[in-house]
Amino acid sequence: MKEIDVRTQLVHRIHRIQGQLEAIEKGLFDDKADCEKTLMQLKASSQALKKFGEAYMHAYMDKCFTEKRGSSNIKENVRKAIRTAFSI
């Protein structure tokens, strides 16, 4: 898949997450808001953010390997990416 397509897909994921968070925010000011529904939206947005991180990581790794960097540089980039992903 082209890099621009991957970026577009990542942006679409971010927009969906933003929509979910906006719905949660609106629920905070709605006295008739369904608490269970709000919690489900919170869970869905959390999962969507995790999935975004995973998709971003895959895109980063693909880019890293296709740029034909030196093997020691790739190794360090993989280590940085793994450290970053698991320190969130």
PDB file of N, CA and C in Angstrom:
ATOM      1  N   MET A   1       0.842  -1.172   0.000  1.00  0.00           N
ATOM      2  CA  MET A   1       0.000   0.000   0.000  1.00  0.00           C
ATOM      3  C   MET A   1       0.893   1.244   0.000  1.00  0.00           C
ATOM      4  N   LYS A   2       0.462   2.257  -0.695  1.00  0.00           N
ATOM      5  CA  LYS A   2       1.243   3.481  -0.788  1.00  0.00           C
ATOM      6  C   LYS A   2       1.251   4.202   0.546  1.00  0.00           C
ATOM      7  N   GLU A   3       2.352   4.933   0.777  1.00  0.00           N
ATOM      8  CA  GLU A   3       2.509   5.658   2.036  1.00  0.00           C
ATOM      9  C   GLU A   3       1.381   6.678   2.239  1.00  0.00           C
ATOM     10  N   ILE A   4       0.976   7.323   1.153  1.00  0.00           N
ATOM     11  CA  ILE A   4      -0.095   8.329   1.266  1.00  0.00           C
ATOM     12  C   ILE A   4      -1.420   7.672   1.649  1.00  0.00           C
ATOM     13  N   ASP A   5      -1.676   6.454   1.147  1.00  0.00           N
ATOM     14  CA  ASP A   5      -2.896   5.731   1.519  1.00  0.00           C
ATOM     15  C   ASP A   5      -2.879   5.372   3.006  1.00  0.00           C
ATOM     16  N   VAL A   6      -1.720   4.959   3.480  1.00  0.00           N
ATOM     17  CA  VAL A   6      -1.588   4.604   4.896  1.00  0.00           C
ATOM     18  C   VAL A   6      -1.837   5.830   5.765  1.00  0.00           C
ATOM     19  N   ARG A   7      -1.251   6.957   5.359  1.00  0.00           N
ATOM     20  CA  ARG A   7      -1.465   8.192   6.122  1.00  0.00           C
ATOM     21  C   ARG A   7      -2.943   8.568   6.141  1.00  0.00           C
ATOM     22  N   THR A   8      -3.599   8.446   4.999  1.00  0.00           N
ATOM     23  CA  THR A   8      -5.027   8.777   4.915  1.00  0.00           C
ATOM     24  C   THR A   8      -5.833   7.882   5.846  1.00  0.00           C
ATOM     25  N   GLN A   9      -5.522   6.591   5.864  1.00  0.00           N
ATOM     26  CA  GLN A   9      -6.227   5.671   6.753  1.00  0.00           C
ATOM     27  C   GLN A   9      -5.990   6.029   8.220  1.00  0.00           C
ATOM     28  N   LEU A  10      -4.770   6.417   8.546  1.00  0.00           N
ATOM     29  CA  LEU A  10      -4.466   6.808   9.922  1.00  0.00           C
ATOM     30  C   LEU A  10      -5.243   8.067  10.310  1.00  0.00           C
ATOM     31  N   VAL A  11      -5.334   9.015   9.398  1.00  0.00           N
ATOM     32  CA  VAL A  11      -6.092  10.242   9.664  1.00  0.00           C
ATOM     33  C   VAL A  11      -7.571   9.921   9.870  1.00  0.00           C
ATOM     34  N   HIS A  12      -8.106   9.006   9.059  1.00  0.00           N
ATOM     35  CA  HIS A  12      -9.510   8.609   9.229  1.00  0.00           C
ATOM     36  C   HIS A  12      -9.733   7.973  10.596  1.00  0.00           C
ATOM     37  N   ARG A  13      -8.781   7.171  11.048  1.00  0.00           N
ATOM     38  CA  ARG A  13      -8.891   6.571  12.388  1.00  0.00           C
ATOM     39  C   ARG A  13      -8.928   7.655  13.464  1.00  0.00           C
ATOM     40  N   ILE A  14      -8.053   8.651  13.313  1.00  0.00           N
ATOM     41  CA  ILE A  14      -8.006   9.747  14.289  1.00  0.00           C
ATOM     42  C   ILE A  14      -9.340  10.487  14.313  1.00  0.00           C
ATOM     43  N   HIS A  15      -9.914  10.732  13.146  1.00  0.00           N
ATOM     44  CA  HIS A  15     -11.197  11.444  13.091  1.00  0.00           C
ATOM     45  C   HIS A  15     -12.312  10.651  13.773  1.00  0.00           C
ATOM     46  N   ARG A  16     -12.305   9.329  13.592  1.00  0.00           N
ATOM     47  CA  ARG A  16     -13.317   8.505  14.265  1.00  0.00           C
ATOM     48  C   ARG A  16     -13.140   8.585  15.785  1.00  0.00           C
ATOM     49  N   ILE A  17     -11.897   8.543  16.237  1.00  0.00           N
ATOM     50  CA  ILE A  17     -11.619   8.634  17.672  1.00  0.00           C
ATOM     51  C   ILE A  17     -12.065   9.995  18.200  1.00  0.00           C
ATOM     52  N   GLN A  18     -11.778  11.049  17.452  1.00  0.00           N
ATOM     53  CA  GLN A  18     -12.217  12.387  17.866  1.00  0.00           C
ATOM     54  C   GLN A  18     -13.739  12.448  17.983  1.00  0.00           C
ATOM     55  N   GLY A  19     -14.437  11.826  17.048  1.00  0.00           N
ATOM     56  CA  GLY A  19     -15.897  11.789  17.104  1.00  0.00           C
ATOM     57  C   GLY A  19     -16.392  11.070  18.342  1.00  0.00           C
ATOM     58  N   GLN A  20     -15.752   9.966  18.675  1.00  0.00           N
ATOM     59  CA  GLN A  20     -16.135   9.227  19.876  1.00  0.00           C
ATOM     60  C   GLN A  20     -15.908  10.069  21.129  1.00  0.00           C
ATOM     61  N   LEU A  21     -14.778  10.752  21.186  1.00  0.00           N
ATOM     62  CA  LEU A  21     -14.479  11.583  22.353  1.00  0.00           C
ATOM     63  C   LEU A  21     -15.434  12.775  22.458  1.00  0.00           C
ATOM     64  N   GLU A  22     -15.822  13.339  21.324  1.00  0.00           N
ATOM     65  CA  GLU A  22     -16.785  14.437  21.338  1.00  0.00           C
ATOM     66  C   GLU A  22     -18.144  13.962  21.858  1.00  0.00           C
ATOM     67  N   ALA A  23     -18.536  12.741  21.497  1.00  0.00           N
ATOM     68  CA  ALA A  23     -19.799  12.187  21.996  1.00  0.00           C
ATOM     69  C   ALA A  23     -19.735  12.000  23.511  1.00  0.00           C
ATOM     70  N   ILE A  24     -18.597  11.566  24.013  1.00  0.00           N
ATOM     71  CA  ILE A  24     -18.426  11.408  25.465  1.00  0.00           C
ATOM     72  C   ILE A  24     -18.510  12.769  26.142  1.00  0.00           C
ATOM     73  N   GLU A  25     -17.859  13.766  25.557  1.00  0.00           N
ATOM     74  CA  GLU A  25     -17.885  15.115  26.126  1.00  0.00           C
ATOM     75  C   GLU A  25     -19.306  15.669  26.175  1.00  0.00           C
ATOM     76  N   LYS A  26     -20.058  15.484  25.112  1.00  0.00           N
ATOM     77  CA  LYS A  26     -21.450  15.959  25.086  1.00  0.00           C
ATOM     78  C   LYS A  26     -22.269  15.277  26.171  1.00  0.00           C
ATOM     79  N   GLY A  27     -21.988  14.007  26.398  1.00  0.00           N
ATOM     80  CA  GLY A  27     -22.710  13.258  27.423  1.00  0.00           C
ATOM     81  C   GLY A  27     -22.482  13.801  28.820  1.00  0.00           C
ATOM     82  N   LEU A  28     -21.344  14.441  29.032  1.00  0.00           N
ATOM     83  CA  LEU A  28     -21.056  15.019  30.346  1.00  0.00           C
ATOM     84  C   LEU A  28     -22.022  16.141  30.699  1.00  0.00           C
ATOM     85  N   PHE A  29     -22.544  16.819  29.687  1.00  0.00           N
ATOM     86  CA  PHE A  29     -23.427  17.958  29.915  1.00  0.00           C
ATOM     87  C   PHE A  29     -24.903  17.617  29.710  1.00  0.00           C
ATOM     88  N   ASP A  30     -25.175  16.358  29.412  1.00  0.00           N
ATOM     89  CA  ASP A  30     -26.560  15.917  29.189  1.00  0.00           C
ATOM     90  C   ASP A  30     -27.057  15.221  30.451  1.00  0.00           C
ATOM     91  N   ASP A  31     -28.013  15.844  31.108  1.00  0.00           N
ATOM     92  CA  ASP A  31     -28.539  15.283  32.361  1.00  0.00           C
ATOM     93  C   ASP A  31     -29.252  13.948  32.137  1.00  0.00           C
ATOM     94  N   LYS A  32     -29.675  13.706  30.913  1.00  0.00           N
ATOM     95  CA  LYS A  32     -30.386  12.465  30.603  1.00  0.00           C
ATOM     96  C   LYS A  32     -29.472  11.425  29.958  1.00  0.00           C
ATOM     97  N   ALA A  33     -28.175  11.668  29.996  1.00  0.00           N
ATOM     98  CA  ALA A  33     -27.216  10.760  29.361  1.00  0.00           C
ATOM     99  C   ALA A  33     -27.256   9.381  30.025  1.00  0.00           C
ATOM    100  N   ASP A  34     -27.130   8.380  29.219  1.00  0.00           N
ATOM    101  CA  ASP A  34     -27.103   6.991  29.690  1.00  0.00           C
ATOM    102  C   ASP A  34     -25.669   6.666  30.120  1.00  0.00           C
ATOM    103  N   CYS A  35     -25.466   6.456  31.400  1.00  0.00           N
ATOM    104  CA  CYS A  35     -24.118   6.199  31.936  1.00  0.00           C
ATOM    105  C   CYS A  35     -23.477   4.973  31.295  1.00  0.00           C
ATOM    106  N   GLU A  36     -24.276   3.931  31.107  1.00  0.00           N
ATOM    107  CA  GLU A  36     -23.745   2.706  30.511  1.00  0.00           C
ATOM    108  C   GLU A  36     -23.283   2.962  29.076  1.00  0.00           C
ATOM    109  N   LYS A  37     -24.074   3.718  28.337  1.00  0.00           N
ATOM    110  CA  LYS A  37     -23.715   4.045  26.950  1.00  0.00           C
ATOM    111  C   LYS A  37     -22.418   4.863  26.917  1.00  0.00           C
ATOM    112  N   THR A  38     -22.292   5.800  27.842  1.00  0.00           N
ATOM    113  CA  THR A  38     -21.085   6.623  27.909  1.00  0.00           C
ATOM    114  C   THR A  38     -19.861   5.765  28.216  1.00  0.00           C
ATOM    115  N   LEU A  39     -20.004   4.817  29.134  1.00  0.00           N
ATOM    116  CA  LEU A  39     -18.888   3.921  29.455  1.00  0.00           C
ATOM    117  C   LEU A  39     -18.512   3.056  28.258  1.00  0.00           C
ATOM    118  N   MET A  40     -19.501   2.623  27.496  1.00  0.00           N
ATOM    119  CA  MET A  40     -19.233   1.836  26.294  1.00  0.00           C
ATOM    120  C   MET A  40     -18.491   2.684  25.251  1.00  0.00           C
ATOM    121  N   GLN A  41     -18.876   3.961  25.125  1.00  0.00           N
ATOM    122  CA  GLN A  41     -18.188   4.857  24.214  1.00  0.00           C
ATOM    123  C   GLN A  41     -16.739   5.076  24.664  1.00  0.00           C
ATOM    124  N   LEU A  42     -16.551   5.183  25.949  1.00  0.00           N
ATOM    125  CA  LEU A  42     -15.206   5.354  26.498  1.00  0.00           C
ATOM    126  C   LEU A  42     -14.336   4.139  26.187  1.00  0.00           C
ATOM    127  N   LYS A  43     -14.911   2.961  26.390  1.00  0.00           N
ATOM    128  CA  LYS A  43     -14.184   1.730  26.095  1.00  0.00           C
ATOM    129  C   LYS A  43     -13.861   1.644  24.602  1.00  0.00           C
ATOM    130  N   ALA A  44     -14.832   1.982  23.757  1.00  0.00           N
ATOM    131  CA  ALA A  44     -14.622   1.919  22.306  1.00  0.00           C
ATOM    132  C   ALA A  44     -13.536   2.896  21.868  1.00  0.00           C
ATOM    133  N   SER A  45     -13.530   4.094  22.434  1.00  0.00           N
ATOM    134  CA  SER A  45     -12.511   5.071  22.046  1.00  0.00           C
ATOM    135  C   SER A  45     -11.127   4.636  22.526  1.00  0.00           C
ATOM    136  N   SER A  46     -11.074   4.029  23.681  1.00  0.00           N
ATOM    137  CA  SER A  46      -9.801   3.521  24.200  1.00  0.00           C
ATOM    138  C   SER A  46      -9.249   2.417  23.292  1.00  0.00           C
ATOM    139  N   GLN A  47     -10.118   1.492  22.900  1.00  0.00           N
ATOM    140  CA  GLN A  47      -9.710   0.411  21.998  1.00  0.00           C
ATOM    141  C   GLN A  47      -9.289   0.970  20.639  1.00  0.00           C
ATOM    142  N   ALA A  48     -10.036   1.961  20.156  1.00  0.00           N
ATOM    143  CA  ALA A  48      -9.707   2.566  18.860  1.00  0.00           C
ATOM    144  C   ALA A  48      -8.344   3.236  18.914  1.00  0.00           C
ATOM    145  N   LEU A  49      -8.025   3.864  20.029  1.00  0.00           N
ATOM    146  CA  LEU A  49      -6.721   4.503  20.178  1.00  0.00           C
ATOM    147  C   LEU A  49      -5.606   3.463  20.197  1.00  0.00           C
ATOM    148  N   LYS A  50      -5.845   2.337  20.845  1.00  0.00           N
ATOM    149  CA  LYS A  50      -4.857   1.253  20.845  1.00  0.00           C
ATOM    150  C   LYS A  50      -4.654   0.719  19.432  1.00  0.00           C
ATOM    151  N   LYS A  51      -5.746   0.544  18.700  1.00  0.00           N
ATOM    152  CA  LYS A  51      -5.658   0.054  17.328  1.00  0.00           C
ATOM    153  C   LYS A  51      -4.933   1.068  16.434  1.00  0.00           C
ATOM    154  N   PHE A  52      -5.173   2.358  16.681  1.00  0.00           N
ATOM    155  CA  PHE A  52      -4.455   3.386  15.935  1.00  0.00           C
ATOM    156  C   PHE A  52      -2.955   3.255  16.191  1.00  0.00           C
ATOM    157  N   GLY A  53      -2.583   3.092  17.451  1.00  0.00           N
ATOM    158  CA  GLY A  53      -1.165   2.934  17.801  1.00  0.00           C
ATOM    159  C   GLY A  53      -0.544   1.740  17.105  1.00  0.00           C
ATOM    160  N   GLU A  54      -1.281   0.653  17.049  1.00  0.00           N
ATOM    161  CA  GLU A  54      -0.791  -0.552  16.373  1.00  0.00           C
ATOM    162  C   GLU A  54      -0.613  -0.301  14.872  1.00  0.00           C
ATOM    163  N   ALA A  55      -1.602   0.345  14.255  1.00  0.00           N
ATOM    164  CA  ALA A  55      -1.519   0.643  12.819  1.00  0.00           C
ATOM    165  C   ALA A  55      -0.371   1.601  12.533  1.00  0.00           C
ATOM    166  N   TYR A  56      -0.196   2.593  13.411  1.00  0.00           N
ATOM    167  CA  TYR A  56       0.900   3.545  13.239  1.00  0.00           C
ATOM    168  C   TYR A  56       2.240   2.825  13.343  1.00  0.00           C
ATOM    169  N   MET A  57       2.343   1.923  14.301  1.00  0.00           N
ATOM    170  CA  MET A  57       3.577   1.165  14.511  1.00  0.00           C
ATOM    171  C   MET A  57       3.906   0.335  13.271  1.00  0.00           C
ATOM    172  N   HIS A  58       2.905  -0.322  12.701  1.00  0.00           N
ATOM    173  CA  HIS A  58       3.130  -1.110  11.487  1.00  0.00           C
ATOM    174  C   HIS A  58       3.608  -0.218  10.354  1.00  0.00           C
ATOM    175  N   ALA A  59       2.990   0.946  10.201  1.00  0.00           N
ATOM    176  CA  ALA A  59       3.380   1.877   9.143  1.00  0.00           C
ATOM    177  C   ALA A  59       4.814   2.349   9.347  1.00  0.00           C
ATOM    178  N   TYR A  60       5.166   2.641  10.594  1.00  0.00           N
ATOM    179  CA  TYR A  60       6.522   3.080  10.915  1.00  0.00           C
ATOM    180  C   TYR A  60       7.529   1.985  10.584  1.00  0.00           C
ATOM    181  N   MET A  61       7.195   0.759  10.966  1.00  0.00           N
ATOM    182  CA  MET A  61       8.110  -0.352  10.723  1.00  0.00           C
ATOM    183  C   MET A  61       8.284  -0.603   9.222  1.00  0.00           C
ATOM    184  N   ASP A  62       7.181  -0.549   8.485  1.00  0.00           N
ATOM    185  CA  ASP A  62       7.273  -0.732   7.034  1.00  0.00           C
ATOM    186  C   ASP A  62       8.174   0.330   6.422  1.00  0.00           C
ATOM    187  N   LYS A  63       7.987   1.574   6.834  1.00  0.00           N
ATOM    188  CA  LYS A  63       8.801   2.671   6.310  1.00  0.00           C
ATOM    189  C   LYS A  63      10.268   2.467   6.677  1.00  0.00           C
ATOM    190  N   CYS A  64      10.503   2.062   7.897  1.00  0.00           N
ATOM    191  CA  CYS A  64      11.870   1.848   8.385  1.00  0.00           C
ATOM    192  C   CYS A  64      12.597   0.807   7.536  1.00  0.00           C
ATOM    193  N   PHE A  65      11.920  -0.296   7.233  1.00  0.00           N
ATOM    194  CA  PHE A  65      12.565  -1.359   6.484  1.00  0.00           C
ATOM    195  C   PHE A  65      12.678  -1.062   4.994  1.00  0.00           C
ATOM    196  N   THR A  66      11.753  -0.292   4.437  1.00  0.00           N
ATOM    197  CA  THR A  66      11.808  -0.012   3.003  1.00  0.00           C
ATOM    198  C   THR A  66      12.790   1.095   2.660  1.00  0.00           C
ATOM    199  N   GLU A  67      13.218   1.858   3.642  1.00  0.00           N
ATOM    200  CA  GLU A  67      14.184   2.919   3.373  1.00  0.00           C
ATOM    201  C   GLU A  67      15.607   2.383   3.263  1.00  0.00           C
ATOM    202  N   LYS A  68      15.773   1.088   3.425  1.00  0.00           N
ATOM    203  CA  LYS A  68      17.069   0.423   3.262  1.00  0.00           C
ATOM    204  C   LYS A  68      18.156   1.046   4.131  1.00  0.00           C
ATOM    205  N   ARG A  69      17.826   1.257   5.366  1.00  0.00           N
ATOM    206  CA  ARG A  69      18.821   1.791   6.300  1.00  0.00           C
ATOM    207  C   ARG A  69      19.808   0.701   6.676  1.00  0.00           C
ATOM    208  N   GLY A  70      20.924   1.108   7.220  1.00  0.00           N
ATOM    209  CA  GLY A  70      21.920   0.142   7.668  1.00  0.00           C
ATOM    210  C   GLY A  70      21.347  -0.759   8.741  1.00  0.00           C
ATOM    211  N   SER A  71      21.784  -1.975   8.807  1.00  0.00           N
ATOM    212  CA  SER A  71      21.211  -2.952   9.727  1.00  0.00           C
ATOM    213  C   SER A  71      21.296  -2.511  11.185  1.00  0.00           C
ATOM    214  N   SER A  72      22.364  -1.851  11.580  1.00  0.00           N
ATOM    215  CA  SER A  72      22.461  -1.395  12.972  1.00  0.00           C
ATOM    216  C   SER A  72      21.456  -0.286  13.236  1.00  0.00           C
ATOM    217  N   ASN A  73      21.213   0.561  12.234  1.00  0.00           N
ATOM    218  CA  ASN A  73      20.236   1.642  12.376  1.00  0.00           C
ATOM    219  C   ASN A  73      18.820   1.071  12.481  1.00  0.00           C
ATOM    220  N   ILE A  74      18.504   0.071  11.681  1.00  0.00           N
ATOM    221  CA  ILE A  74      17.191  -0.575  11.744  1.00  0.00           C
ATOM    222  C   ILE A  74      16.989  -1.200  13.125  1.00  0.00           C
ATOM    223  N   LYS A  75      18.011  -1.873  13.600  1.00  0.00           N
ATOM    224  CA  LYS A  75      17.933  -2.526  14.907  1.00  0.00           C
ATOM    225  C   LYS A  75      17.627  -1.500  16.004  1.00  0.00           C
ATOM    226  N   GLU A  76      18.296  -0.369  15.979  1.00  0.00           N
ATOM    227  CA  GLU A  76      18.061   0.665  16.988  1.00  0.00           C
ATOM    228  C   GLU A  76      16.673   1.273  16.837  1.00  0.00           C
ATOM    229  N   ASN A  77      16.217   1.485  15.603  1.00  0.00           N
ATOM    230  CA  ASN A  77      14.883   2.035  15.381  1.00  0.00           C
ATOM    231  C   ASN A  77      13.800   1.085  15.874  1.00  0.00           C
ATOM    232  N   VAL A  78      14.000  -0.206  15.672  1.00  0.00           N
ATOM    233  CA  VAL A  78      13.036  -1.201  16.160  1.00  0.00           C
ATOM    234  C   VAL A  78      12.999  -1.161  17.690  1.00  0.00           C
ATOM    235  N   ARG A  79      14.144  -1.085  18.302  1.00  0.00           N
ATOM    236  CA  ARG A  79      14.193  -1.014  19.765  1.00  0.00           C
ATOM    237  C   ARG A  79      13.475   0.227  20.285  1.00  0.00           C
ATOM    238  N   LYS A  80      13.703   1.380  19.637  1.00  0.00           N
ATOM    239  CA  LYS A  80      13.050   2.635  20.046  1.00  0.00           C
ATOM    240  C   LYS A  80      11.532   2.502  19.901  1.00  0.00           C
ATOM    241  N   ALA A  81      11.103   1.935  18.778  1.00  0.00           N
ATOM    242  CA  ALA A  81       9.670   1.797  18.523  1.00  0.00           C
ATOM    243  C   ALA A  81       9.011   0.887  19.552  1.00  0.00           C
ATOM    244  N   ILE A  82       9.653  -0.211  19.884  1.00  0.00           N
ATOM    245  CA  ILE A  82       9.103  -1.137  20.881  1.00  0.00           C
ATOM    246  C   ILE A  82       9.068  -0.484  22.255  1.00  0.00           C
ATOM    247  N   ARG A  83      10.142   0.215  22.628  1.00  0.00           N
ATOM    248  CA  ARG A  83      10.167   0.916  23.921  1.00  0.00           C
ATOM    249  C   ARG A  83       9.040   1.931  23.997  1.00  0.00           C
ATOM    250  N   THR A  84       8.870   2.697  22.928  1.00  0.00           N
ATOM    251  CA  THR A  84       7.843   3.721  22.908  1.00  0.00           C
ATOM    252  C   THR A  84       6.443   3.093  22.985  1.00  0.00           C
ATOM    253  N   ALA A  85       6.212   2.030  22.227  1.00  0.00           N
ATOM    254  CA  ALA A  85       4.896   1.394  22.196  1.00  0.00           C
ATOM    255  C   ALA A  85       4.506   0.829  23.553  1.00  0.00           C
ATOM    256  N   PHE A  86       5.455   0.294  24.273  1.00  0.00           N
ATOM    257  CA  PHE A  86       5.123  -0.342  25.537  1.00  0.00           C
ATOM    258  C   PHE A  86       5.264   0.575  26.749  1.00  0.00           C
ATOM    259  N   SER A  87       5.694   1.809  26.525  1.00  0.00           N
ATOM    260  CA  SER A  87       5.779   2.744  27.642  1.00  0.00           C
ATOM    261  C   SER A  87       4.572   3.669  27.713  1.00  0.00           C
ATOM    262  N   ILE A  88       3.619   3.476  26.791  1.00  0.00           N
ATOM    263  CA  ILE A  88       2.417   4.320  26.753  1.00  0.00           C
ATOM    264  C   ILE A  88       1.514   4.013  27.915  1.00  0.00           C
TER     265      ILE A  88
END
